[in-house]
Every structure is written in structure tokens, then in C-alpha cells.
Amino acid sequence: MTHDEALMLIISCAVVVEIVATYRHLRKIPHALLLLGSFAGLVLGSLSTVVEGFLWAELFNWLEHLSLMAGAILLAMWCALVFGPWNRRVPDAPDGIS
């Protein structure tokens, strides 16, 4: 375990605390569970990176990579749903706003 891995875990945990504190506002984001799930994959990846230095290195290395992959897939799904061409929240306008 290196200091940057520990720092990433500390920052991730701080963001988890903020997410829990502001969850009622975050629910208003379209498809918020996908977005929060992608962040959960990042947090689990950070946790697995730190834990693999202490026990069952191979298992937690696999868990790290699988959780990061799952988080990336969930984030891609969220981006596609929110910003994709089938999103009808933003009308077809030249500037995309009006």
C-alpha cells in the first residue's frame, strides 16, 4: 500500500459522508442510482486496493478491478441515459438550451 492509495481511500470516504448527508438532494439527479452506484464501485476499488496489502492479495486485487469495471460501466450507462440522443429533457434546439 502506498500513501496515494490511502489518500484516495480517505478522500472517497469523505465523499461518502457528504453523499449520505445530501442524499435527499442527490435523488433529484436523473438516474441517480446509476451515478451513485458508479461512485460505489470507485470506493470499493479504493478499499480493495488498501486491503489487498494486508490480506488475500489476489482476491482483493480481482475485487478491485471488478469493482472499478462495474463503476465505469454504470457511469457509462448514466451518461448514455442522461446525455444520449434519446433523452427528451432537452428539446432539439440549435444551442440545446431553449
N, C-alpha and C. Protein backbone atom coordinates (compact mmCIF):
# COMPACT_ATOMS: atom_id res chain seq x y z
N MET A 1 0.84 -1.18 0.00
CA MET A 1 0.00 0.00 0.00
C MET A 1 0.89 1.24 0.00
N THR A 2 0.55 2.17 -0.86
CA THR A 2 1.30 3.42 -0.92
C THR A 2 0.45 4.54 -0.33
N HIS A 3 1.10 5.66 -0.12
CA HIS A 3 0.39 6.78 0.50
C HIS A 3 -0.71 7.32 -0.40
N ASP A 4 -0.53 7.25 -1.72
CA ASP A 4 -1.59 7.76 -2.60
C ASP A 4 -2.83 6.87 -2.58
N GLU A 5 -2.66 5.57 -2.37
CA GLU A 5 -3.81 4.67 -2.24
C GLU A 5 -4.59 4.96 -0.97
N ALA A 6 -3.87 5.19 0.12
CA ALA A 6 -4.53 5.53 1.39
C ALA A 6 -5.23 6.88 1.29
N LEU A 7 -4.60 7.82 0.63
CA LEU A 7 -5.20 9.15 0.46
C LEU A 7 -6.47 9.06 -0.39
N MET A 8 -6.44 8.24 -1.42
CA MET A 8 -7.64 8.05 -2.25
C MET A 8 -8.78 7.46 -1.44
N LEU A 9 -8.47 6.51 -0.57
CA LEU A 9 -9.50 5.92 0.29
C LEU A 9 -10.06 6.95 1.26
N ILE A 10 -9.22 7.77 1.84
CA ILE A 10 -9.67 8.81 2.77
C ILE A 10 -10.58 9.81 2.06
N ILE A 11 -10.18 10.24 0.88
CA ILE A 11 -11.00 11.19 0.12
C ILE A 11 -12.33 10.55 -0.27
N SER A 12 -12.28 9.29 -0.69
CA SER A 12 -13.52 8.59 -1.06
C SER A 12 -14.46 8.48 0.13
N CYS A 13 -13.93 8.17 1.30
CA CYS A 13 -14.77 8.07 2.49
C CYS A 13 -15.37 9.42 2.87
N ALA A 14 -14.61 10.49 2.68
CA ALA A 14 -15.14 11.83 2.96
C ALA A 14 -16.29 12.15 2.01
N VAL A 15 -16.15 11.75 0.76
CA VAL A 15 -17.23 12.00 -0.21
C VAL A 15 -18.45 11.14 0.12
N VAL A 16 -18.23 9.92 0.61
CA VAL A 16 -19.36 9.07 1.03
C VAL A 16 -20.15 9.76 2.15
N VAL A 17 -19.45 10.35 3.09
CA VAL A 17 -20.12 11.08 4.18
C VAL A 17 -20.95 12.22 3.60
N GLU A 18 -20.39 12.94 2.64
CA GLU A 18 -21.13 14.05 2.01
C GLU A 18 -22.35 13.53 1.23
N ILE A 19 -22.20 12.41 0.56
CA ILE A 19 -23.32 11.83 -0.18
C ILE A 19 -24.44 11.43 0.78
N VAL A 20 -24.09 10.82 1.89
CA VAL A 20 -25.10 10.42 2.87
C VAL A 20 -25.80 11.67 3.43
N ALA A 21 -25.04 12.73 3.67
CA ALA A 21 -25.62 13.94 4.24
C ALA A 21 -26.54 14.66 3.25
N THR A 22 -26.28 14.54 1.97
CA THR A 22 -27.06 15.28 0.97
C THR A 22 -27.86 14.37 0.06
N TYR A 23 -28.14 13.15 0.50
CA TYR A 23 -28.80 12.18 -0.37
C TYR A 23 -30.16 12.66 -0.86
N ARG A 24 -30.91 13.34 -0.03
CA ARG A 24 -32.26 13.77 -0.46
C ARG A 24 -32.19 14.74 -1.64
N HIS A 25 -31.09 15.50 -1.74
CA HIS A 25 -30.92 16.39 -2.89
C HIS A 25 -30.37 15.63 -4.09
N LEU A 26 -29.51 14.66 -3.82
CA LEU A 26 -28.91 13.89 -4.91
C LEU A 26 -29.93 13.00 -5.61
N ARG A 27 -31.01 12.63 -4.90
CA ARG A 27 -32.06 11.80 -5.51
C ARG A 27 -32.71 12.50 -6.68
N LYS A 28 -32.62 13.81 -6.73
CA LYS A 28 -33.27 14.58 -7.80
C LYS A 28 -32.51 14.50 -9.11
N ILE A 29 -31.28 14.05 -9.08
CA ILE A 29 -30.49 13.89 -10.31
C ILE A 29 -31.11 12.75 -11.11
N PRO A 30 -31.29 12.93 -12.41
CA PRO A 30 -31.86 11.84 -13.21
C PRO A 30 -31.00 10.58 -13.12
N HIS A 31 -31.65 9.45 -12.89
CA HIS A 31 -30.97 8.15 -12.79
C HIS A 31 -29.86 8.18 -11.74
N ALA A 32 -30.17 8.76 -10.60
CA ALA A 32 -29.17 8.96 -9.55
C ALA A 32 -28.57 7.66 -9.04
N LEU A 33 -29.34 6.59 -9.02
CA LEU A 33 -28.80 5.33 -8.50
C LEU A 33 -27.67 4.79 -9.36
N LEU A 34 -27.74 4.99 -10.67
CA LEU A 34 -26.62 4.59 -11.52
C LEU A 34 -25.38 5.40 -11.22
N LEU A 35 -25.56 6.71 -11.05
CA LEU A 35 -24.42 7.58 -10.76
C LEU A 35 -23.81 7.24 -9.40
N LEU A 36 -24.65 7.05 -8.40
CA LEU A 36 -24.14 6.70 -7.08
C LEU A 36 -23.54 5.30 -7.06
N GLY A 37 -24.10 4.40 -7.84
CA GLY A 37 -23.53 3.07 -7.95
C GLY A 37 -22.14 3.10 -8.58
N SER A 38 -21.94 3.97 -9.55
CA SER A 38 -20.62 4.10 -10.16
C SER A 38 -19.61 4.62 -9.14
N PHE A 39 -20.03 5.53 -8.29
CA PHE A 39 -19.13 6.01 -7.25
C PHE A 39 -18.86 4.92 -6.22
N ALA A 40 -19.87 4.10 -5.93
CA ALA A 40 -19.67 2.98 -5.01
C ALA A 40 -18.62 2.02 -5.55
N GLY A 41 -18.61 1.80 -6.86
CA GLY A 41 -17.57 0.97 -7.47
C GLY A 41 -16.19 1.56 -7.27
N LEU A 42 -16.08 2.88 -7.37
CA LEU A 42 -14.80 3.55 -7.13
C LEU A 42 -14.36 3.40 -5.68
N VAL A 43 -15.29 3.57 -4.76
CA VAL A 43 -14.96 3.44 -3.33
C VAL A 43 -14.56 2.01 -3.00
N LEU A 44 -15.30 1.04 -3.53
CA LEU A 44 -14.96 -0.36 -3.28
C LEU A 44 -13.60 -0.70 -3.88
N GLY A 45 -13.29 -0.14 -5.03
CA GLY A 45 -11.98 -0.33 -5.63
C GLY A 45 -10.87 0.24 -4.77
N SER A 46 -11.09 1.43 -4.22
CA SER A 46 -10.09 2.04 -3.33
C SER A 46 -9.91 1.22 -2.06
N LEU A 47 -11.01 0.77 -1.49
CA LEU A 47 -10.94 -0.05 -0.29
C LEU A 47 -10.21 -1.37 -0.56
N SER A 48 -10.52 -1.98 -1.69
CA SER A 48 -9.87 -3.24 -2.05
C SER A 48 -8.37 -3.05 -2.26
N THR A 49 -7.97 -1.92 -2.82
CA THR A 49 -6.55 -1.64 -3.03
C THR A 49 -5.80 -1.60 -1.72
N VAL A 50 -6.40 -0.97 -0.72
CA VAL A 50 -5.75 -0.87 0.58
C VAL A 50 -5.73 -2.22 1.29
N VAL A 51 -6.85 -2.93 1.25
CA VAL A 51 -6.95 -4.20 1.97
C VAL A 51 -6.04 -5.26 1.35
N GLU A 52 -5.84 -5.21 0.03
CA GLU A 52 -5.00 -6.23 -0.60
C GLU A 52 -3.56 -6.20 -0.12
N GLY A 53 -3.15 -5.09 0.45
CA GLY A 53 -1.81 -5.01 1.02
C GLY A 53 -1.67 -5.77 2.33
N PHE A 54 -2.79 -6.15 2.94
CA PHE A 54 -2.75 -6.79 4.25
C PHE A 54 -3.18 -8.26 4.22
N LEU A 55 -4.16 -8.60 3.41
CA LEU A 55 -4.60 -10.00 3.37
C LEU A 55 -5.21 -10.34 2.03
N TRP A 56 -5.08 -11.60 1.66
CA TRP A 56 -5.65 -12.15 0.43
C TRP A 56 -5.44 -11.24 -0.77
N ALA A 57 -4.19 -10.99 -1.07
CA ALA A 57 -3.83 -10.03 -2.11
C ALA A 57 -4.48 -10.34 -3.46
N GLU A 58 -4.48 -11.59 -3.86
CA GLU A 58 -5.02 -11.93 -5.18
C GLU A 58 -6.53 -11.71 -5.23
N LEU A 59 -7.23 -12.11 -4.19
CA LEU A 59 -8.68 -11.94 -4.14
C LEU A 59 -9.06 -10.46 -4.19
N PHE A 60 -8.41 -9.64 -3.37
CA PHE A 60 -8.76 -8.22 -3.33
C PHE A 60 -8.28 -7.48 -4.57
N ASN A 61 -7.25 -7.99 -5.23
CA ASN A 61 -6.84 -7.40 -6.50
C ASN A 61 -7.92 -7.62 -7.55
N TRP A 62 -8.48 -8.84 -7.61
CA TRP A 62 -9.59 -9.11 -8.52
C TRP A 62 -10.81 -8.26 -8.17
N LEU A 63 -11.11 -8.17 -6.89
CA LEU A 63 -12.25 -7.36 -6.46
C LEU A 63 -12.07 -5.90 -6.83
N GLU A 64 -10.84 -5.41 -6.68
CA GLU A 64 -10.55 -4.03 -7.06
C GLU A 64 -10.86 -3.80 -8.54
N HIS A 65 -10.34 -4.66 -9.39
CA HIS A 65 -10.53 -4.46 -10.82
C HIS A 65 -11.99 -4.68 -11.25
N LEU A 66 -12.66 -5.64 -10.65
CA LEU A 66 -14.07 -5.85 -10.98
C LEU A 66 -14.95 -4.69 -10.55
N SER A 67 -14.67 -4.15 -9.37
CA SER A 67 -15.49 -3.03 -8.89
C SER A 67 -15.23 -1.76 -9.71
N LEU A 68 -13.98 -1.54 -10.11
CA LEU A 68 -13.70 -0.38 -10.96
C LEU A 68 -14.36 -0.54 -12.33
N MET A 69 -14.36 -1.76 -12.86
CA MET A 69 -15.02 -2.02 -14.13
C MET A 69 -16.52 -1.79 -14.01
N ALA A 70 -17.11 -2.31 -12.94
CA ALA A 70 -18.56 -2.13 -12.74
C ALA A 70 -18.89 -0.66 -12.59
N GLY A 71 -18.07 0.08 -11.85
CA GLY A 71 -18.29 1.52 -11.70
C GLY A 71 -18.21 2.25 -13.02
N ALA A 72 -17.25 1.86 -13.86
CA ALA A 72 -17.12 2.50 -15.18
C ALA A 72 -18.32 2.19 -16.07
N ILE A 73 -18.79 0.96 -16.01
CA ILE A 73 -19.96 0.59 -16.81
C ILE A 73 -21.20 1.35 -16.34
N LEU A 74 -21.39 1.45 -15.03
CA LEU A 74 -22.53 2.20 -14.51
C LEU A 74 -22.45 3.68 -14.89
N LEU A 75 -21.25 4.25 -14.84
CA LEU A 75 -21.09 5.65 -15.23
C LEU A 75 -21.38 5.84 -16.72
N ALA A 76 -20.93 4.91 -17.54
CA ALA A 76 -21.22 4.99 -18.98
C ALA A 76 -22.72 4.89 -19.24
N MET A 77 -23.39 4.01 -18.49
CA MET A 77 -24.84 3.89 -18.63
C MET A 77 -25.53 5.18 -18.21
N TRP A 78 -25.08 5.77 -17.11
CA TRP A 78 -25.68 7.03 -16.65
C TRP A 78 -25.48 8.13 -17.69
N CYS A 79 -24.27 8.23 -18.22
CA CYS A 79 -24.00 9.25 -19.24
C CYS A 79 -24.87 9.04 -20.47
N ALA A 80 -25.03 7.79 -20.89
CA ALA A 80 -25.85 7.50 -22.06
C ALA A 80 -27.31 7.86 -21.81
N LEU A 81 -27.81 7.56 -20.62
CA LEU A 81 -29.21 7.87 -20.31
C LEU A 81 -29.45 9.37 -20.16
N VAL A 82 -28.51 10.07 -19.58
CA VAL A 82 -28.72 11.50 -19.31
C VAL A 82 -28.37 12.36 -20.52
N PHE A 83 -27.30 12.01 -21.23
CA PHE A 83 -26.83 12.86 -22.32
C PHE A 83 -27.04 12.25 -23.70
N GLY A 84 -27.62 11.06 -23.76
CA GLY A 84 -27.81 10.37 -25.03
C GLY A 84 -28.86 11.03 -25.90
N PRO A 85 -28.89 10.64 -27.17
CA PRO A 85 -29.83 11.27 -28.11
C PRO A 85 -31.29 10.96 -27.81
N TRP A 86 -31.56 9.93 -27.04
CA TRP A 86 -32.94 9.57 -26.72
C TRP A 86 -33.47 10.31 -25.50
N ASN A 87 -32.65 11.15 -24.87
CA ASN A 87 -33.09 11.93 -23.72
C ASN A 87 -33.99 13.05 -24.22
N ARG A 88 -35.22 13.10 -23.75
CA ARG A 88 -36.18 14.09 -24.22
C ARG A 88 -36.30 15.28 -23.28
N ARG A 89 -35.43 15.38 -22.30
CA ARG A 89 -35.50 16.50 -21.38
C ARG A 89 -35.03 17.80 -22.03
N VAL A 90 -34.11 17.71 -22.98
CA VAL A 90 -33.60 18.89 -23.67
C VAL A 90 -34.16 18.89 -25.08
N PRO A 91 -34.96 19.89 -25.44
CA PRO A 91 -35.55 19.93 -26.79
C PRO A 91 -34.48 20.10 -27.84
N ASP A 92 -34.81 19.71 -29.06
CA ASP A 92 -33.88 19.89 -30.18
C ASP A 92 -33.85 21.36 -30.56
N ALA A 93 -32.83 22.04 -30.13
CA ALA A 93 -32.65 23.45 -30.44
C ALA A 93 -31.19 23.63 -30.87
N PRO A 94 -30.90 24.68 -31.62
CA PRO A 94 -29.52 24.87 -32.09
C PRO A 94 -28.50 24.93 -30.94
N ASP A 95 -28.90 25.60 -29.84
CA ASP A 95 -27.96 25.69 -28.71
C ASP A 95 -28.22 24.62 -27.66
N GLY A 96 -29.28 23.83 -27.81
CA GLY A 96 -29.59 22.74 -26.88
C GLY A 96 -30.17 23.20 -25.57
N ILE A 97 -30.51 24.49 -25.44
CA ILE A 97 -31.00 25.01 -24.16
C ILE A 97 -32.47 25.38 -24.23
N SER A 98 -32.84 26.14 -25.25
CA SER A 98 -34.21 26.68 -25.28
C SER A 98 -35.24 25.66 -25.64
